[in-house]
C-alpha atoms as a PDB file:
ATOM      1  CA  MET A   1      22.068  23.041 -12.473  1.00  0.00           C
ATOM      2  CA  GLN A   2      20.800  19.512 -12.631  1.00  0.00           C
ATOM      3  CA  GLY A   3      17.455  17.726 -11.414  1.00  0.00           C
ATOM      4  CA  LYS A   4      17.316  14.992  -9.030  1.00  0.00           C
ATOM      5  CA  LEU A   5      14.889  12.042  -9.591  1.00  0.00           C
ATOM      6  CA  GLU A   6      13.078   9.925  -7.372  1.00  0.00           C
ATOM      7  CA  LEU A   7      12.117   6.674  -8.806  1.00  0.00           C
ATOM      8  CA  MET A   8       9.186   4.798  -7.043  1.00  0.00           C
ATOM      9  CA  MET A   9       8.986   1.077  -8.048  1.00  0.00           C
ATOM     10  CA  GLY A  10       6.866  -2.147  -6.986  1.00  0.00           C
ATOM     11  CA  PRO A  11       4.471  -4.525  -8.267  1.00  0.00           C
ATOM     12  CA  MET A  12       0.506  -3.655  -8.468  1.00  0.00           C
ATOM     13  CA  ARG A  13      -1.254  -2.188  -4.912  1.00  0.00           C
ATOM     14  CA  SER A  14       1.997  -1.520  -3.771  1.00  0.00           C
ATOM     15  CA  ASN A  15       0.879   2.469  -3.010  1.00  0.00           C
ATOM     16  CA  LYS A  16       3.210   3.585  -5.832  1.00  0.00           C
ATOM     17  CA  THR A  17       0.806   6.376  -7.243  1.00  0.00           C
ATOM     18  CA  ALA A  18      -0.121   7.036  -3.614  1.00  0.00           C
ATOM     19  CA  GLU A  19       3.371   7.841  -2.845  1.00  0.00           C
ATOM     20  CA  LEU A  20       3.944  10.150  -5.932  1.00  0.00           C
ATOM     21  CA  LEU A  21       0.927  12.012  -4.790  1.00  0.00           C
ATOM     22  CA  ARG A  22       2.290  12.704  -1.429  1.00  0.00           C
ATOM     23  CA  ARG A  23       5.758  13.914  -2.225  1.00  0.00           C
ATOM     24  CA  ALA A  24       4.347  16.383  -4.847  1.00  0.00           C
ATOM     25  CA  GLU A  25       1.834  17.595  -2.090  1.00  0.00           C
ATOM     26  CA  MET A  26       4.745  17.946  -0.135  1.00  0.00           C
ATOM     27  CA  ARG A  27       7.010  20.093  -2.132  1.00  0.00           C
ATOM     28  CA  ARG A  28       3.737  22.366  -2.920  1.00  0.00           C
ATOM     29  CA  GLN A  29       3.011  22.854   0.663  1.00  0.00           C
ATOM     30  CA  TYR A  30       6.396  22.790   2.382  1.00  0.00           C
ATOM     31  CA  ALA A  31       8.831  23.535  -0.404  1.00  0.00           C
ATOM     32  CA  LYS A  32       6.365  26.292  -2.455  1.00  0.00           C
ATOM     33  CA  GLN A  33       7.885  24.327  -5.563  1.00  0.00           C
ATOM     34  CA  TYR A  34       5.679  24.282  -8.726  1.00  0.00           C
ATOM     35  CA  VAL A  35       4.933  20.424  -9.360  1.00  0.00           C
ATOM     36  CA  LEU A  36       3.766  19.454 -13.084  1.00  0.00           C
ATOM     37  CA  VAL A  37       1.875  16.141 -13.086  1.00  0.00           C
ATOM     38  CA  LEU A  38       2.093  13.864 -16.123  1.00  0.00           C
ATOM     39  CA  LYS A  39      -0.082  10.966 -17.079  1.00  0.00           C
ATOM     40  CA  PRO A  40       0.472   8.439 -20.130  1.00  0.00           C
ATOM     41  CA  SER A  41      -3.297   8.155 -21.999  1.00  0.00           C
ATOM     42  CA  ASP A  42      -2.751   4.410 -21.399  1.00  0.00           C
ATOM     43  CA  ASP A  43      -3.283   5.085 -17.143  1.00  0.00           C
ATOM     44  CA  THR A  44      -6.790   4.102 -16.887  1.00  0.00           C
ATOM     45  CA  LYS A  45      -6.926   4.657 -13.493  1.00  0.00           C
ATOM     46  CA  GLY A  46      -8.248   7.826 -12.830  1.00  0.00           C
ATOM     47  CA  GLY A  47     -10.744  10.055 -15.351  1.00  0.00           C
ATOM     48  CA  PRO A  48      -9.117  11.848 -18.307  1.00  0.00           C
ATOM     49  CA  GLY A  49      -6.446  14.423 -16.998  1.00  0.00           C
ATOM     50  CA  VAL A  50      -6.194  13.382 -13.151  1.00  0.00           C
ATOM     51  CA  VAL A  51      -3.782  11.068 -11.086  1.00  0.00           C
ATOM     52  CA  GLU A  52      -5.456   9.049  -8.764  1.00  0.00           C
ATOM     53  CA  SER A  53      -4.410   6.599  -6.477  1.00  0.00           C
ATOM     54  CA  ARG A  54      -6.394   3.123  -6.150  1.00  0.00           C
ATOM     55  CA  ASN A  55      -5.981   3.238  -2.042  1.00  0.00           C
ATOM     56  CA  PRO A  56      -9.047   5.383  -0.885  1.00  0.00           C
ATOM     57  CA  ASN A  57      -6.572   6.531   2.039  1.00  0.00           C
ATOM     58  CA  GLY A  58      -3.727   7.168  -0.527  1.00  0.00           C
ATOM     59  CA  GLY A  59      -3.350  10.942  -0.740  1.00  0.00           C
ATOM     60  CA  GLY A  60      -6.917  11.370  -3.194  1.00  0.00           C
ATOM     61  CA  LYS A  61      -5.809  12.844  -6.758  1.00  0.00           C
ATOM     62  CA  MET A  62      -4.366  15.672  -8.805  1.00  0.00           C
ATOM     63  CA  SER A  63      -4.932  17.275 -12.038  1.00  0.00           C
ATOM     64  CA  ALA A  64      -2.377  16.069 -14.693  1.00  0.00           C
ATOM     65  CA  VAL A  65      -1.453  17.135 -18.029  1.00  0.00           C
ATOM     66  CA  GLU A  66      -2.366  13.934 -20.054  1.00  0.00           C
ATOM     67  CA  PHE A  67      -0.109  12.647 -23.031  1.00  0.00           C
ATOM     68  CA  ARG A  68       0.429  10.425 -25.826  1.00  0.00           C
ATOM     69  CA  ALA A  69       2.908   7.488 -24.320  1.00  0.00           C
ATOM     70  CA  ALA A  70       4.385   7.015 -27.707  1.00  0.00           C
ATOM     71  CA  ASP A  71       4.816  10.537 -27.789  1.00  0.00           C
ATOM     72  CA  PRO A  72       6.256  12.135 -24.053  1.00  0.00           C
ATOM     73  CA  TRP A  73       8.318  15.095 -25.790  1.00  0.00           C
ATOM     74  CA  GLU A  74       4.718  16.736 -26.702  1.00  0.00           C
ATOM     75  CA  VAL A  75       4.838  17.452 -22.696  1.00  0.00           C
ATOM     76  CA  LEU A  76       7.453  20.223 -23.823  1.00  0.00           C
ATOM     77  CA  GLY A  77       5.285  22.722 -24.820  1.00  0.00           C
ATOM     78  CA  ALA A  78       2.739  22.107 -21.950  1.00  0.00           C
ATOM     79  CA  ILE A  79       6.300  23.250 -19.749  1.00  0.00           C
ATOM     80  CA  ARG A  80       6.766  26.175 -21.254  1.00  0.00           C
ATOM     81  CA  ASP A  81       3.426  27.584 -21.543  1.00  0.00           C
ATOM     82  CA  THR A  82       3.360  26.639 -18.036  1.00  0.00           C
ATOM     83  CA  GLU A  83       6.146  28.596 -17.175  1.00  0.00           C
ATOM     84  CA  GLN A  84       5.024  31.959 -18.727  1.00  0.00           C
ATOM     85  CA  LYS A  85       1.409  31.493 -17.031  1.00  0.00           C
ATOM     86  CA  ILE A  86       3.229  31.331 -13.546  1.00  0.00           C
ATOM     87  CA  GLY A  87       6.177  33.463 -14.492  1.00  0.00           C
ATOM     88  CA  LYS A  88       8.912  30.963 -12.994  1.00  0.00           C
ATOM     89  CA  ARG A  89      10.616  27.686 -13.585  1.00  0.00           C
ATOM     90  CA  VAL A  90       8.307  24.379 -13.471  1.00  0.00           C
ATOM     91  CA  GLU A  91      10.914  22.984 -10.030  1.00  0.00           C
ATOM     92  CA  CYS A  92       9.613  19.441 -10.397  1.00  0.00           C
ATOM     93  CA  ILE A  93       8.010  16.857 -12.999  1.00  0.00           C
ATOM     94  CA  ALA A  94       5.914  13.906 -11.301  1.00  0.00           C
ATOM     95  CA  ILE A  95       4.997  11.163 -14.010  1.00  0.00           C
ATOM     96  CA  ASP A  96       2.992   8.196 -13.053  1.00  0.00           C
ATOM     97  CA  GLU A  97       2.603   4.742 -14.459  1.00  0.00           C
ATOM     98  CA  GLY A  98       6.234   5.370 -16.057  1.00  0.00           C
ATOM     99  CA  GLN A  99       6.331   1.970 -17.351  1.00  0.00           C
ATOM    100  CA  PHE A 100       4.183   2.665 -20.497  1.00  0.00           C
ATOM    101  CA  VAL A 101       6.216   5.716 -21.701  1.00  0.00           C
ATOM    102  CA  ASP A 102       8.167   5.176 -24.840  1.00  0.00           C
ATOM    103  CA  GLN A 103      11.653   6.929 -24.741  1.00  0.00           C
ATOM    104  CA  LEU A 104      11.158   7.262 -20.838  1.00  0.00           C
ATOM    105  CA  PHE A 105      15.027   7.303 -20.166  1.00  0.00           C
ATOM    106  CA  LEU A 106      15.922   9.620 -22.750  1.00  0.00           C
ATOM    107  CA  PHE A 107      12.912  12.014 -21.597  1.00  0.00           C
ATOM    108  CA  VAL A 108      13.680  12.092 -18.330  1.00  0.00           C
ATOM    109  CA  LYS A 109      17.337  12.620 -18.858  1.00  0.00           C
ATOM    110  CA  TYR A 110      16.545  15.705 -20.694  1.00  0.00           C
ATOM    111  CA  LEU A 111      14.411  16.976 -18.123  1.00  0.00           C
ATOM    112  CA  LEU A 112      16.935  16.497 -15.545  1.00  0.00           C
ATOM    113  CA  ASP A 113      19.368  17.992 -17.872  1.00  0.00           C
ATOM    114  CA  ALA A 114      16.833  21.136 -18.036  1.00  0.00           C
ATOM    115  CA  GLY A 115      17.052  21.590 -14.262  1.00  0.00           C
ATOM    116  CA  HIS A 116      13.855  19.764 -13.287  1.00  0.00           C
ATOM    117  CA  ASP A 117      13.583  17.697 -10.463  1.00  0.00           C
ATOM    118  CA  VAL A 118      11.357  14.508 -11.844  1.00  0.00           C
ATOM    119  CA  LEU A 119       9.456  12.114  -9.783  1.00  0.00           C
ATOM    120  CA  VAL A 120       8.131   8.987 -11.621  1.00  0.00           C
ATOM    121  CA  ALA A 121       5.954   6.227 -10.177  1.00  0.00           C
ATOM    122  CA  GLY A 122       5.437   2.548 -12.168  1.00  0.00           C
ATOM    123  CA  LEU A 123       5.677  -1.101 -12.100  1.00  0.00           C
ATOM    124  CA  ASP A 124       9.281  -2.603 -12.315  1.00  0.00           C
ATOM    125  CA  LEU A 125       8.079  -6.035 -13.519  1.00  0.00           C
ATOM    126  CA  ASP A 126       5.081  -6.890 -16.141  1.00  0.00           C
ATOM    127  CA  PHE A 127       2.823  -9.678 -15.713  1.00  0.00           C
ATOM    128  CA  ARG A 128       5.310 -11.772 -17.316  1.00  0.00           C
ATOM    129  CA  ALA A 129       8.067 -11.006 -14.442  1.00  0.00           C
ATOM    130  CA  MET A 130       9.958  -9.454 -16.769  1.00  0.00           C
ATOM    131  CA  PRO A 131      11.169  -5.703 -16.939  1.00  0.00           C
ATOM    132  CA  PHE A 132       8.431  -3.689 -18.014  1.00  0.00           C
ATOM    133  CA  GLY A 133       9.050  -0.743 -20.209  1.00  0.00           C
ATOM    134  CA  GLU A 134      12.419   1.492 -19.211  1.00  0.00           C
ATOM    135  CA  MET A 135      11.702   1.958 -15.644  1.00  0.00           C
ATOM    136  CA  LEU A 136      14.345  -0.143 -14.235  1.00  0.00           C
ATOM    137  CA  ASN A 137      16.982   1.365 -16.717  1.00  0.00           C
ATOM    138  CA  LEU A 138      16.026   5.003 -14.872  1.00  0.00           C
ATOM    139  CA  THR A 139      18.081   3.128 -11.739  1.00  0.00           C
ATOM    140  CA  TRP A 140      21.094   4.542 -13.704  1.00  0.00           C
ATOM    141  CA  LEU A 141      20.141   7.815 -13.777  1.00  0.00           C
ATOM    142  CA  VAL A 142      19.563   7.793 -10.214  1.00  0.00           C
ATOM    143  CA  ASN A 143      22.994   6.899  -9.801  1.00  0.00           C
ATOM    144  CA  ALA A 144      24.598   9.614 -12.419  1.00  0.00           C
ATOM    145  CA  TYR A 145      22.108  12.663 -11.313  1.00  0.00           C
ATOM    146  CA  GLY A 146      21.431  11.829  -7.002  1.00  0.00           C
ATOM    147  CA  GLY A 147      18.419  11.528  -5.758  1.00  0.00           C
ATOM    148  CA  SER A 148      16.469   7.866  -4.735  1.00  0.00           C
ATOM    149  CA  ILE A 149      14.919   4.684  -5.296  1.00  0.00           C
ATOM    150  CA  THR A 150      11.945   3.748  -3.266  1.00  0.00           C
ATOM    151  CA  GLU A 151      10.664  -0.159  -3.828  1.00  0.00           C
ATOM    152  CA  CYS A 152       7.012   0.358  -2.611  1.00  0.00           C
ATOM    153  CA  MET A 153       5.715  -2.590  -1.025  1.00  0.00           C
ATOM    154  CA  ALA A 154       2.961  -5.289  -1.587  1.00  0.00           C
ATOM    155  CA  TYR A 155       1.704  -8.223   0.135  1.00  0.00           C
ATOM    156  CA  CYS A 156       0.005 -11.475  -1.072  1.00  0.00           C
ATOM    157  CA  SER A 157      -2.937 -12.766   0.733  1.00  0.00           C
ATOM    158  CA  CYS A 158      -0.639 -15.258   2.440  1.00  0.00           C
ATOM    159  CA  GLY A 159       0.902 -12.543   4.272  1.00  0.00           C
ATOM    160  CA  ALA A 160       4.723 -12.990   2.533  1.00  0.00           C
ATOM    161  CA  ARG A 161       6.091  -9.824   0.488  1.00  0.00           C
ATOM    162  CA  ALA A 162       4.390  -9.667  -3.418  1.00  0.00           C
ATOM    163  CA  LEU A 163       7.029  -9.009  -5.807  1.00  0.00           C
ATOM    164  CA  TYR A 164       4.922 -10.074  -8.610  1.00  0.00           C
ATOM    165  CA  SER A 165       1.934  -8.935 -10.387  1.00  0.00           C
ATOM    166  CA  GLN A 166      -0.507 -11.436 -11.038  1.00  0.00           C
ATOM    167  CA  ARG A 167      -3.025 -10.759 -14.001  1.00  0.00           C
ATOM    168  CA  LEU A 168      -5.960 -12.329 -13.869  1.00  0.00           C
ATOM    169  CA  ILE A 169      -8.515 -12.836 -16.583  1.00  0.00           C
ATOM    170  CA  ASP A 170     -12.030 -14.046 -16.058  1.00  0.00           C
ATOM    171  CA  GLY A 171     -10.411 -14.765 -12.581  1.00  0.00           C
ATOM    172  CA  LYS A 172      -8.083 -17.160 -13.731  1.00  0.00           C
ATOM    173  CA  PRO A 173      -4.431 -16.686 -14.302  1.00  0.00           C
ATOM    174  CA  ALA A 174      -3.164 -14.670 -17.827  1.00  0.00           C
ATOM    175  CA  PRO A 175      -1.365 -17.108 -19.869  1.00  0.00           C
ATOM    176  CA  PHE A 176       2.319 -15.904 -20.844  1.00  0.00           C
ATOM    177  CA  ASP A 177       1.809 -15.031 -24.244  1.00  0.00           C
ATOM    178  CA  SER A 178      -1.571 -12.983 -24.043  1.00  0.00           C
ATOM    179  CA  PRO A 179      -0.774  -8.758 -24.897  1.00  0.00           C
ATOM    180  CA  ILE A 180       1.262  -6.550 -22.472  1.00  0.00           C
ATOM    181  CA  LYS A 181      -1.795  -4.133 -22.548  1.00  0.00           C
ATOM    182  CA  MET A 182      -5.595  -5.524 -22.778  1.00  0.00           C
ATOM    183  CA  PRO A 183      -8.879  -4.350 -21.448  1.00  0.00           C
ATOM    184  CA  GLY A 184     -10.775  -6.241 -19.039  1.00  0.00           C
ATOM    185  CA  ASP A 185      -7.832  -7.681 -17.063  1.00  0.00           C
ATOM    186  CA  SER A 186      -7.378  -7.140 -13.286  1.00  0.00           C
ATOM    187  CA  TYR A 187      -4.469  -7.578 -11.004  1.00  0.00           C
ATOM    188  CA  GLU A 188      -3.295  -9.195  -7.360  1.00  0.00           C
ATOM    189  CA  PRO A 189       0.131  -8.797  -5.702  1.00  0.00           C
ATOM    190  CA  ARG A 190       1.584 -12.321  -5.211  1.00  0.00           C
ATOM    191  CA  CYS A 191       4.737 -13.925  -3.750  1.00  0.00           C
ATOM    192  CA  ALA A 192       7.174 -15.954  -5.502  1.00  0.00           C
ATOM    193  CA  GLU A 193       5.586 -19.180  -4.320  1.00  0.00           C
ATOM    194  CA  HIS A 194       1.831 -18.266  -5.277  1.00  0.00           C
ATOM    195  CA  PHE A 195       2.410 -16.284  -8.621  1.00  0.00           C
ATOM    196  CA  VAL A 196       1.454 -18.753 -11.462  1.00  0.00           C
ATOM    197  CA  LEU A 197       2.091 -18.069 -15.085  1.00  0.00           C
ATOM    198  CA  PRO A 198       0.399 -20.899 -17.708  1.00  0.00           C
ATOM    199  CA  GLY A 199       2.716 -21.264 -20.236  1.00  0.00           C
ATOM    200  CA  ARG A 200       5.918 -19.903 -19.500  1.00  0.00           C
ATOM    201  CA  THR A 201       8.503 -21.109 -21.583  1.00  0.00           C
ATOM    202  CA  HIS A 202      11.535 -20.999 -18.769  1.00  0.00           C
END
Protein backbone atom coordinates (compact mmCIF):
# COMPACT_ATOMS: atom_id res chain seq x y z
CA MET A 1 0.00 0.00 0.00
CA GLN A 2 1.39 3.38 -1.01
CA GLY A 3 1.91 6.21 1.42
CA LYS A 4 0.48 9.72 1.22
CA LEU A 5 2.34 13.02 1.12
CA GLU A 6 1.66 16.10 3.25
CA LEU A 7 3.48 19.10 1.83
CA MET A 8 4.00 22.35 3.78
CA MET A 9 5.40 25.27 1.78
CA GLY A 10 5.80 29.00 2.13
CA PRO A 11 8.29 31.83 2.64
CA MET A 12 10.57 32.35 5.62
CA ARG A 13 8.84 32.88 8.98
CA SER A 14 5.66 31.12 7.89
CA ASN A 15 5.90 28.42 10.59
CA LYS A 16 6.58 25.54 8.20
CA THR A 17 8.78 23.69 10.68
CA ALA A 18 6.34 24.34 13.53
CA GLU A 19 3.55 22.79 11.42
CA LEU A 20 5.74 19.80 10.53
CA LEU A 21 6.51 19.18 14.21
CA ARG A 22 2.86 19.62 15.20
CA ARG A 23 1.72 17.00 12.70
CA ALA A 24 4.53 14.62 13.67
CA GLU A 25 3.55 14.91 17.33
CA MET A 26 -0.15 14.35 16.55
CA ARG A 27 0.71 11.15 14.69
CA ARG A 28 2.85 9.98 17.58
CA GLN A 29 0.35 10.91 20.28
CA TYR A 30 -3.01 10.03 18.74
CA ALA A 31 -2.30 7.60 15.90
CA LYS A 32 0.46 5.80 17.87
CA GLN A 33 2.66 5.95 14.79
CA TYR A 34 6.43 5.91 14.72
CA VAL A 35 7.59 9.12 13.05
CA LEU A 36 11.21 9.36 11.93
CA VAL A 37 12.27 13.01 11.57
CA LEU A 38 15.00 13.83 9.04
CA LYS A 39 17.03 17.00 8.49
CA PRO A 40 19.62 17.84 5.83
CA SER A 41 22.98 18.99 7.16
CA ASP A 42 22.44 22.37 5.45
CA ASP A 43 19.77 23.22 8.05
CA THR A 44 21.35 25.45 10.69
CA LYS A 45 18.24 26.34 12.73
CA GLY A 46 18.55 23.73 15.46
CA GLY A 47 21.63 22.06 16.84
CA PRO A 48 23.08 18.87 15.34
CA GLY A 49 20.44 16.13 15.14
CA VAL A 50 17.60 18.46 16.15
CA VAL A 51 14.72 19.96 14.19
CA GLU A 52 13.54 23.15 15.87
CA SER A 53 11.11 25.89 14.89
CA ARG A 54 12.24 29.53 14.97
CA ASN A 55 8.86 30.35 16.48
CA PRO A 56 9.22 30.13 20.31
CA ASN A 57 5.54 29.09 20.49
CA GLY A 58 5.84 26.71 17.56
CA GLY A 59 5.95 23.13 18.75
CA GLY A 60 9.35 22.98 20.42
CA LYS A 61 11.86 20.62 18.89
CA MET A 62 12.41 16.98 18.05
CA SER A 63 15.46 14.80 17.65
CA ALA A 64 16.21 14.01 14.02
CA VAL A 65 18.42 11.86 11.84
CA GLU A 66 20.81 14.20 10.05
CA PHE A 67 22.00 13.38 6.54
CA ARG A 68 24.04 14.96 3.78
CA ALA A 69 21.73 16.93 1.53
CA ALA A 70 23.62 15.65 -1.52
CA ASP A 71 22.75 12.01 -0.66
CA PRO A 72 19.36 11.43 0.98
CA TRP A 73 19.58 7.74 0.08
CA GLU A 74 21.99 7.18 2.99
CA VAL A 75 18.92 7.52 5.25
CA LEU A 76 17.51 4.19 4.04
CA GLY A 77 19.94 2.35 6.31
CA ALA A 78 18.74 4.36 9.32
CA ILE A 79 15.12 3.52 8.45
CA ARG A 80 15.93 -0.21 8.30
CA ASP A 81 17.88 -0.05 11.57
CA THR A 82 15.03 1.79 13.28
CA GLU A 83 12.46 -0.76 12.08
CA GLN A 84 14.58 -3.62 13.41
CA LYS A 85 14.95 -1.84 16.75
CA ILE A 86 11.25 -1.00 17.23
CA GLY A 87 10.00 -4.27 15.72
CA LYS A 88 7.57 -2.67 13.28
CA ARG A 89 7.40 -0.49 10.19
CA VAL A 90 8.17 3.21 10.41
CA GLU A 91 4.74 4.55 9.45
CA CYS A 92 5.75 8.16 8.80
CA ILE A 93 8.88 10.01 7.71
CA ALA A 94 9.07 13.79 8.22
CA ILE A 95 11.62 15.85 6.25
CA ASP A 96 12.37 19.45 7.22
CA GLU A 97 14.05 22.01 4.93
CA GLY A 98 13.20 19.94 1.87
CA GLN A 99 14.45 22.66 -0.51
CA PHE A 100 18.05 21.70 0.30
CA VAL A 101 17.67 17.99 -0.56
CA ASP A 102 19.10 16.71 -3.84
CA GLN A 103 16.90 14.20 -5.72
CA LEU A 104 14.03 15.10 -3.35
CA PHE A 105 11.33 14.09 -5.87
CA LEU A 106 12.78 10.61 -6.48
CA PHE A 107 13.57 10.09 -2.79
CA VAL A 108 10.05 11.00 -1.62
CA LYS A 109 8.51 8.89 -4.41
CA TYR A 110 10.62 5.92 -3.26
CA LEU A 111 9.40 6.36 0.34
CA LEU A 112 5.76 6.62 -0.79
CA ASP A 113 6.10 3.49 -2.93
CA ALA A 114 7.61 1.70 0.09
CA GLY A 115 4.42 2.45 2.05
CA HIS A 116 5.61 5.31 4.27
CA ASP A 117 3.51 8.42 4.76
CA VAL A 118 5.78 11.41 4.18
CA LEU A 119 5.65 14.95 5.58
CA VAL A 120 7.84 17.56 3.88
CA ALA A 121 8.30 21.19 4.92
CA GLY A 122 10.35 23.71 2.96
CA LEU A 123 10.64 26.96 1.09
CA ASP A 124 8.83 27.15 -2.24
CA LEU A 125 10.94 30.06 -3.58
CA ASP A 126 14.54 31.12 -2.97
CA PHE A 127 15.61 34.71 -2.24
CA ARG A 128 15.53 35.44 -6.00
CA ALA A 129 11.83 34.51 -6.12
CA MET A 130 12.62 31.42 -8.20
CA PRO A 131 11.63 27.79 -7.41
CA PHE A 132 13.86 26.46 -4.63
CA GLY A 133 15.18 22.94 -5.12
CA GLU A 134 12.47 20.40 -5.96
CA MET A 135 9.79 21.54 -3.49
CA LEU A 136 7.29 22.64 -6.15
CA ASN A 137 7.80 19.36 -8.03
CA LEU A 138 6.35 17.51 -5.05
CA THR A 139 2.88 18.86 -5.82
CA TRP A 140 2.70 16.23 -8.58
CA LEU A 141 3.23 13.50 -5.99
CA VAL A 142 0.36 14.86 -3.89
CA ASN A 143 -1.88 14.66 -6.96
CA ALA A 144 -0.68 11.15 -7.84
CA TYR A 145 -0.49 9.57 -4.37
CA GLY A 146 -2.96 11.62 -2.35
CA GLY A 147 -2.34 13.82 0.64
CA SER A 148 -2.43 17.57 1.06
CA ILE A 149 -0.66 20.80 0.21
CA THR A 150 -0.58 23.48 2.90
CA GLU A 151 0.46 27.00 1.96
CA CYS A 152 1.94 28.32 5.19
CA MET A 153 1.23 32.01 5.64
CA ALA A 154 3.65 34.79 6.51
CA TYR A 155 3.05 38.53 6.66
CA CYS A 156 5.06 41.53 5.57
CA SER A 157 5.71 44.31 8.09
CA CYS A 158 3.07 46.35 6.20
CA GLY A 159 0.43 43.75 7.07
CA ALA A 160 0.00 42.27 3.59
CA ARG A 161 0.51 38.58 2.89
CA ALA A 162 4.18 37.82 2.26
CA LEU A 163 4.97 35.56 -0.69
CA TYR A 164 8.70 36.27 -0.81
CA SER A 165 11.74 35.70 1.41
CA GLN A 166 13.80 38.90 1.45
CA ARG A 167 17.45 38.08 2.05
CA LEU A 168 19.39 40.74 3.93
CA ILE A 169 23.18 41.01 4.12
CA ASP A 170 24.36 43.57 6.68
CA GLY A 171 20.78 44.83 6.76
CA LYS A 172 20.56 45.49 3.01
CA PRO A 173 18.77 43.49 0.27
CA ALA A 174 21.05 40.84 -1.21
CA PRO A 175 21.89 41.21 -4.91
CA PHE A 176 20.48 38.76 -7.44
CA ASP A 177 23.88 37.20 -8.17
CA SER A 178 24.77 36.32 -4.57
CA PRO A 179 25.05 32.56 -3.81
CA ILE A 180 21.90 30.58 -3.02
CA LYS A 181 23.42 29.40 0.26
CA MET A 182 25.69 31.69 2.25
CA PRO A 183 26.58 32.33 5.90
CA GLY A 184 25.80 35.59 7.64
CA ASP A 185 22.54 36.34 5.90
CA SER A 186 19.11 36.88 7.45
CA TYR A 187 15.59 36.93 6.07
CA GLU A 188 12.33 38.84 6.34
CA PRO A 189 8.98 37.88 4.81
CA ARG A 190 7.93 40.48 2.24
CA CYS A 191 4.91 41.22 0.06
CA ALA A 192 5.28 41.88 -3.67
CA GLU A 193 5.31 45.66 -3.12
CA HIS A 194 8.18 45.60 -0.62
CA PHE A 195 10.27 42.75 -2.05
CA VAL A 196 13.54 44.15 -3.46
CA LEU A 197 16.08 42.30 -5.63
CA PRO A 198 18.99 44.49 -6.77
CA GLY A 199 20.53 43.40 -10.06
CA ARG A 200 17.56 41.35 -11.25
CA THR A 201 17.88 41.01 -15.01
CA HIS A 202 14.18 40.58 -15.87
